[in-house]
């Protein structure tokens, strides 16, 4: 997983912290939601829709392109993966075997 470091002035950092505390979210979770909302409206929820509107007014929204969209998995391959995941040793059996 990638990390992003940004520099903020103390006042802005305090405002963001107070805002996220009020939402009951972490600063990281909020920042990820804002960034996702800025580039892909499919990730927007009611809280981030207001942020999306602000970003649009400020000119910071990116128009999603086909290059940014994740391709849908092949339905047949997905079904095969689901079936394969159901076979094998259960986690409970591994724990029991390990205790013996």
Protein backbone atom coordinates (compact mmCIF):
# COMPACT_ATOMS: atom_id res chain seq x y z
CA UNK A 1 0.00 0.00 0.00
CA UNK A 2 1.36 3.40 -0.95
CA UNK A 3 1.75 6.26 1.50
CA UNK A 4 1.41 9.96 0.82
CA UNK A 5 3.01 12.65 2.97
CA UNK A 6 1.80 16.23 2.72
CA UNK A 7 2.76 19.43 4.50
CA UNK A 8 -0.04 21.47 6.06
CA UNK A 9 0.04 24.58 8.16
CA UNK A 10 -0.96 23.95 11.78
CA UNK A 11 -4.28 25.78 11.45
CA UNK A 12 -5.42 23.70 8.46
CA UNK A 13 -4.32 20.47 10.16
CA UNK A 14 -6.31 21.42 13.27
CA UNK A 15 -9.38 22.25 11.17
CA UNK A 16 -9.18 18.92 9.36
CA UNK A 17 -8.78 17.04 12.65
CA UNK A 18 -11.78 18.84 14.17
CA UNK A 19 -13.84 18.15 11.05
CA UNK A 20 -13.01 14.44 10.98
CA UNK A 21 -13.61 14.11 14.72
CA UNK A 22 -17.06 15.58 14.15
CA UNK A 23 -17.71 13.00 11.45
CA UNK A 24 -16.40 10.17 13.60
CA UNK A 25 -13.77 9.34 10.96
CA UNK A 26 -10.00 9.18 10.96
CA UNK A 27 -8.06 11.87 9.13
CA UNK A 28 -6.59 9.20 6.86
CA UNK A 29 -9.99 7.68 6.07
CA UNK A 30 -11.43 11.10 5.33
CA UNK A 31 -8.48 12.11 3.14
CA UNK A 32 -8.71 8.88 1.13
CA UNK A 33 -12.46 9.41 0.64
CA UNK A 34 -11.91 13.00 -0.49
CA UNK A 35 -9.18 11.98 -2.92
CA UNK A 36 -11.26 9.11 -4.32
CA UNK A 37 -14.27 11.37 -4.64
CA UNK A 38 -12.17 13.95 -6.47
CA UNK A 39 -11.20 11.49 -9.20
CA UNK A 40 -14.10 9.01 -9.31
CA UNK A 41 -17.70 9.91 -8.43
CA UNK A 42 -18.63 6.24 -8.04
CA UNK A 43 -16.92 6.28 -4.61
CA UNK A 44 -18.93 9.24 -3.33
CA UNK A 45 -21.34 8.80 -0.43
CA UNK A 46 -23.59 11.42 1.16
CA UNK A 47 -20.77 12.87 3.30
CA UNK A 48 -18.37 13.07 0.41
CA UNK A 49 -20.96 14.44 -2.02
CA UNK A 50 -20.77 17.77 -0.17
CA UNK A 51 -16.98 17.63 -0.43
CA UNK A 52 -17.29 16.74 -4.11
CA UNK A 53 -19.45 19.81 -4.69
CA UNK A 54 -16.83 21.99 -2.98
CA UNK A 55 -14.05 20.44 -5.05
CA UNK A 56 -16.07 21.03 -8.22
CA UNK A 57 -16.53 24.69 -7.36
CA UNK A 58 -12.79 24.99 -6.74
CA UNK A 59 -11.98 23.26 -10.04
CA UNK A 60 -10.22 20.29 -8.45
CA UNK A 61 -12.29 17.44 -9.85
CA UNK A 62 -10.81 15.11 -12.38
CA UNK A 63 -12.99 13.73 -15.15
CA UNK A 64 -12.87 9.95 -14.90
CA UNK A 65 -11.36 8.36 -17.96
CA UNK A 66 -11.52 4.80 -19.14
CA UNK A 67 -7.84 4.46 -18.16
CA UNK A 68 -8.74 5.07 -14.51
CA UNK A 69 -11.64 2.65 -14.34
CA UNK A 70 -10.86 -0.80 -13.09
CA UNK A 71 -11.93 -3.51 -15.52
CA UNK A 72 -14.65 -5.83 -14.30
CA UNK A 73 -13.46 -9.38 -13.71
CA UNK A 74 -14.54 -12.04 -16.17
CA UNK A 75 -17.73 -13.60 -14.69
CA UNK A 76 -16.59 -17.15 -15.48
CA UNK A 77 -13.19 -16.63 -13.84
CA UNK A 78 -14.88 -15.03 -10.83
CA UNK A 79 -17.25 -17.98 -10.44
CA UNK A 80 -14.33 -20.42 -10.74
CA UNK A 81 -12.38 -18.50 -8.08
CA UNK A 82 -15.38 -18.55 -5.74
CA UNK A 83 -15.78 -22.28 -6.19
CA UNK A 84 -12.06 -22.88 -5.62
CA UNK A 85 -12.12 -20.73 -2.47
CA UNK A 86 -14.78 -23.00 -1.01
CA UNK A 87 -12.53 -26.04 -1.26
CA UNK A 88 -9.50 -26.71 0.82
CA UNK A 89 -8.69 -26.76 4.50
CA UNK A 90 -10.73 -24.51 6.75
CA UNK A 91 -8.98 -22.12 9.12
CA UNK A 92 -10.55 -23.94 12.06
CA UNK A 93 -9.03 -27.25 10.93
CA UNK A 94 -5.61 -25.64 10.57
CA UNK A 95 -5.79 -24.29 14.12
CA UNK A 96 -6.93 -27.64 15.52
CA UNK A 97 -4.18 -29.49 13.64
CA UNK A 98 -1.58 -27.02 14.86
CA UNK A 99 -2.63 -27.60 18.49
CA UNK A 100 -2.14 -31.37 18.29
